[in-house]
Amino acid sequence: MRTSTCLLLALVTALLGLGLRLAVPVAPVDASYRDVVRAYDPSQRP
């Protein structure tokens, strides 16, 4: 595969990812999710 083809595919992939990120709404993290993450993260434990 030529270098220009690889660069073009990388650019298309990046633009598609950015477009999806802007188009799809992201739900904010709720308290129960934070509790689960805290349970698995030793630096967050009391």
PDB file of N, CA and C in Angstrom:
ATOM      1  N   MET A   1       0.849  -1.175   0.000  1.00  0.00           N
ATOM      2  CA  MET A   1       0.000   0.000   0.000  1.00  0.00           C
ATOM      3  C   MET A   1       0.894   1.237   0.000  1.00  0.00           C
ATOM      4  N   ARG A   2       0.548   2.187  -0.814  1.00  0.00           N
ATOM      5  CA  ARG A   2       1.368   3.394  -0.906  1.00  0.00           C
ATOM      6  C   ARG A   2       1.138   4.301   0.297  1.00  0.00           C
ATOM      7  N   THR A   3       2.130   5.154   0.545  1.00  0.00           N
ATOM      8  CA  THR A   3       2.069   6.065   1.691  1.00  0.00           C
ATOM      9  C   THR A   3       0.899   7.029   1.565  1.00  0.00           C
ATOM     10  N   SER A   4       0.652   7.519   0.377  1.00  0.00           N
ATOM     11  CA  SER A   4      -0.443   8.475   0.199  1.00  0.00           C
ATOM     12  C   SER A   4      -1.795   7.809   0.483  1.00  0.00           C
ATOM     13  N   THR A   5      -1.936   6.544   0.137  1.00  0.00           N
ATOM     14  CA  THR A   5      -3.170   5.830   0.422  1.00  0.00           C
ATOM     15  C   THR A   5      -3.362   5.664   1.922  1.00  0.00           C
ATOM     16  N   CYS A   6      -2.293   5.327   2.632  1.00  0.00           N
ATOM     17  CA  CYS A   6      -2.370   5.178   4.087  1.00  0.00           C
ATOM     18  C   CYS A   6      -2.740   6.501   4.747  1.00  0.00           C
ATOM     19  N   LEU A   7      -2.128   7.578   4.297  1.00  0.00           N
ATOM     20  CA  LEU A   7      -2.426   8.888   4.869  1.00  0.00           C
ATOM     21  C   LEU A   7      -3.866   9.293   4.588  1.00  0.00           C
ATOM     22  N   LEU A   8      -4.349   8.987   3.410  1.00  0.00           N
ATOM     23  CA  LEU A   8      -5.730   9.311   3.062  1.00  0.00           C
ATOM     24  C   LEU A   8      -6.702   8.504   3.928  1.00  0.00           C
ATOM     25  N   LEU A   9      -6.428   7.221   4.118  1.00  0.00           N
ATOM     26  CA  LEU A   9      -7.286   6.411   4.981  1.00  0.00           C
ATOM     27  C   LEU A   9      -7.244   6.898   6.427  1.00  0.00           C
ATOM     28  N   ALA A  10      -6.088   7.311   6.902  1.00  0.00           N
ATOM     29  CA  ALA A  10      -5.984   7.836   8.258  1.00  0.00           C
ATOM     30  C   ALA A  10      -6.790   9.120   8.397  1.00  0.00           C
ATOM     31  N   LEU A  11      -6.738   9.976   7.407  1.00  0.00           N
ATOM     32  CA  LEU A  11      -7.491  11.232   7.441  1.00  0.00           C
ATOM     33  C   LEU A  11      -8.992  10.968   7.414  1.00  0.00           C
ATOM     34  N   VAL A  12      -9.419  10.049   6.578  1.00  0.00           N
ATOM     35  CA  VAL A  12     -10.846   9.713   6.504  1.00  0.00           C
ATOM     36  C   VAL A  12     -11.319   9.127   7.824  1.00  0.00           C
ATOM     37  N   THR A  13     -10.511   8.250   8.415  1.00  0.00           N
ATOM     38  CA  THR A  13     -10.871   7.645   9.694  1.00  0.00           C
ATOM     39  C   THR A  13     -10.979   8.700  10.795  1.00  0.00           C
ATOM     40  N   ALA A  14     -10.026   9.621  10.823  1.00  0.00           N
ATOM     41  CA  ALA A  14     -10.049  10.681  11.832  1.00  0.00           C
ATOM     42  C   ALA A  14     -11.279  11.575  11.654  1.00  0.00           C
ATOM     43  N   LEU A  15     -11.612  11.909  10.431  1.00  0.00           N
ATOM     44  CA  LEU A  15     -12.777  12.763  10.187  1.00  0.00           C
ATOM     45  C   LEU A  15     -14.078  12.048  10.537  1.00  0.00           C
ATOM     46  N   LEU A  16     -14.156  10.755  10.240  1.00  0.00           N
ATOM     47  CA  LEU A  16     -15.347   9.997  10.614  1.00  0.00           C
ATOM     48  C   LEU A  16     -15.477   9.906  12.132  1.00  0.00           C
ATOM     49  N   GLY A  17     -14.378   9.691  12.814  1.00  0.00           N
ATOM     50  CA  GLY A  17     -14.417   9.635  14.277  1.00  0.00           C
ATOM     51  C   GLY A  17     -14.842  10.956  14.880  1.00  0.00           C
ATOM     52  N   LEU A  18     -14.304  12.039  14.362  1.00  0.00           N
ATOM     53  CA  LEU A  18     -14.683  13.364  14.852  1.00  0.00           C
ATOM     54  C   LEU A  18     -16.147  13.654  14.554  1.00  0.00           C
ATOM     55  N   GLY A  19     -16.597  13.276  13.373  1.00  0.00           N
ATOM     56  CA  GLY A  19     -18.001  13.486  13.021  1.00  0.00           C
ATOM     57  C   GLY A  19     -18.932  12.704  13.925  1.00  0.00           C
ATOM     58  N   LEU A  20     -18.584  11.451  14.220  1.00  0.00           N
ATOM     59  CA  LEU A  20     -19.406  10.663  15.139  1.00  0.00           C
ATOM     60  C   LEU A  20     -19.405  11.255  16.537  1.00  0.00           C
ATOM     61  N   ARG A  21     -18.254  11.726  16.972  1.00  0.00           N
ATOM     62  CA  ARG A  21     -18.150  12.304  18.324  1.00  0.00           C
ATOM     63  C   ARG A  21     -19.027  13.547  18.453  1.00  0.00           C
ATOM     64  N   LEU A  22     -19.096  14.333  17.394  1.00  0.00           N
ATOM     65  CA  LEU A  22     -19.913  15.546  17.425  1.00  0.00           C
ATOM     66  C   LEU A  22     -21.395  15.245  17.207  1.00  0.00           C
ATOM     67  N   ALA A  23     -21.707  14.182  16.473  1.00  0.00           N
ATOM     68  CA  ALA A  23     -23.096  13.883  16.128  1.00  0.00           C
ATOM     69  C   ALA A  23     -23.824  13.100  17.210  1.00  0.00           C
ATOM     70  N   VAL A  24     -23.113  12.218  17.915  1.00  0.00           N
ATOM     71  CA  VAL A  24     -23.754  11.354  18.898  1.00  0.00           C
ATOM     72  C   VAL A  24     -23.653  12.003  20.273  1.00  0.00           C
ATOM     73  N   PRO A  25     -24.774  12.231  20.922  1.00  0.00           N
ATOM     74  CA  PRO A  25     -24.723  12.848  22.250  1.00  0.00           C
ATOM     75  C   PRO A  25     -24.108  11.894  23.279  1.00  0.00           C
ATOM     76  N   VAL A  26     -23.358  12.457  24.176  1.00  0.00           N
ATOM     77  CA  VAL A  26     -22.710  11.670  25.221  1.00  0.00           C
ATOM     78  C   VAL A  26     -23.394  11.973  26.549  1.00  0.00           C
ATOM     79  N   ALA A  27     -23.843  10.927  27.208  1.00  0.00           N
ATOM     80  CA  ALA A  27     -24.531  11.105  28.485  1.00  0.00           C
ATOM     81  C   ALA A  27     -23.511  11.430  29.570  1.00  0.00           C
ATOM     82  N   PRO A  28     -23.836  12.340  30.464  1.00  0.00           N
ATOM     83  CA  PRO A  28     -22.923  12.636  31.563  1.00  0.00           C
ATOM     84  C   PRO A  28     -22.818  11.445  32.518  1.00  0.00           C
ATOM     85  N   VAL A  29     -21.701  11.361  33.177  1.00  0.00           N
ATOM     86  CA  VAL A  29     -21.456  10.262  34.114  1.00  0.00           C
ATOM     87  C   VAL A  29     -22.303  10.482  35.365  1.00  0.00           C
ATOM     88  N   ASP A  30     -23.016   9.433  35.768  1.00  0.00           N
ATOM     89  CA  ASP A  30     -23.855   9.557  36.957  1.00  0.00           C
ATOM     90  C   ASP A  30     -23.122   9.039  38.196  1.00  0.00           C
ATOM     91  N   ALA A  31     -23.737   9.213  39.333  1.00  0.00           N
ATOM     92  CA  ALA A  31     -23.099   8.876  40.613  1.00  0.00           C
ATOM     93  C   ALA A  31     -22.845   7.378  40.752  1.00  0.00           C
ATOM     94  N   SER A  32     -23.751   6.545  40.260  1.00  0.00           N
ATOM     95  CA  SER A  32     -23.553   5.100  40.403  1.00  0.00           C
ATOM     96  C   SER A  32     -22.353   4.621  39.593  1.00  0.00           C
ATOM     97  N   TYR A  33     -22.137   5.204  38.424  1.00  0.00           N
ATOM     98  CA  TYR A  33     -20.956   4.849  37.632  1.00  0.00           C
ATOM     99  C   TYR A  33     -19.679   5.257  38.362  1.00  0.00           C
ATOM    100  N   ARG A  34     -19.680   6.441  38.946  1.00  0.00           N
ATOM    101  CA  ARG A  34     -18.502   6.887  39.704  1.00  0.00           C
ATOM    102  C   ARG A  34     -18.216   5.964  40.877  1.00  0.00           C
ATOM    103  N   ASP A  35     -19.269   5.449  41.529  1.00  0.00           N
ATOM    104  CA  ASP A  35     -19.084   4.507  42.631  1.00  0.00           C
ATOM    105  C   ASP A  35     -18.409   3.215  42.160  1.00  0.00           C
ATOM    106  N   VAL A  36     -18.811   2.723  40.989  1.00  0.00           N
ATOM    107  CA  VAL A  36     -18.198   1.504  40.450  1.00  0.00           C
ATOM    108  C   VAL A  36     -16.734   1.754  40.115  1.00  0.00           C
ATOM    109  N   VAL A  37     -16.433   2.867  39.485  1.00  0.00           N
ATOM    110  CA  VAL A  37     -15.044   3.191  39.143  1.00  0.00           C
ATOM    111  C   VAL A  37     -14.217   3.341  40.415  1.00  0.00           C
ATOM    112  N   ARG A  38     -14.763   3.967  41.404  1.00  0.00           N
ATOM    113  CA  ARG A  38     -14.052   4.153  42.677  1.00  0.00           C
ATOM    114  C   ARG A  38     -13.772   2.802  43.343  1.00  0.00           C
ATOM    115  N   ALA A  39     -14.688   1.860  43.194  1.00  0.00           N
ATOM    116  CA  ALA A  39     -14.505   0.539  43.799  1.00  0.00           C
ATOM    117  C   ALA A  39     -13.344  -0.218  43.166  1.00  0.00           C
ATOM    118  N   TYR A  40     -13.066   0.026  41.880  1.00  0.00           N
ATOM    119  CA  TYR A  40     -11.992  -0.681  41.196  1.00  0.00           C
ATOM    120  C   TYR A  40     -10.678   0.090  41.173  1.00  0.00           C
ATOM    121  N   ASP A  41     -10.684   1.352  41.542  1.00  0.00           N
ATOM    122  CA  ASP A  41      -9.478   2.180  41.506  1.00  0.00           C
ATOM    123  C   ASP A  41      -8.912   2.305  42.917  1.00  0.00           C
ATOM    124  N   PRO A  42      -7.763   1.678  43.180  1.00  0.00           N
ATOM    125  CA  PRO A  42      -7.222   1.706  44.543  1.00  0.00           C
ATOM    126  C   PRO A  42      -6.825   3.102  45.016  1.00  0.00           C
ATOM    127  N   SER A  43      -6.504   3.998  44.105  1.00  0.00           N
ATOM    128  CA  SER A  43      -6.115   5.344  44.528  1.00  0.00           C
ATOM    129  C   SER A  43      -7.312   6.172  44.978  1.00  0.00           C
ATOM    130  N   GLN A  44      -8.527   5.760  44.638  1.00  0.00           N
ATOM    131  CA  GLN A  44      -9.746   6.490  44.992  1.00  0.00           C
ATOM    132  C   GLN A  44     -10.403   5.959  46.266  1.00  0.00           C
ATOM    133  N   ARG A  45      -9.872   4.867  46.806  1.00  0.00           N
ATOM    134  CA  ARG A  45     -10.500   4.265  48.001  1.00  0.00           C
ATOM    135  C   ARG A  45     -10.200   5.086  49.233  1.00  0.00           C
ATOM    136  N   PRO A  46     -11.156   5.125  50.165  1.00  0.00           N
ATOM    137  CA  PRO A  46     -10.931   5.882  51.414  1.00  0.00           C
ATOM    138  C   PRO A  46      -9.929   5.216  52.343  1.00  0.00           C
TER     139      PRO A  46
END
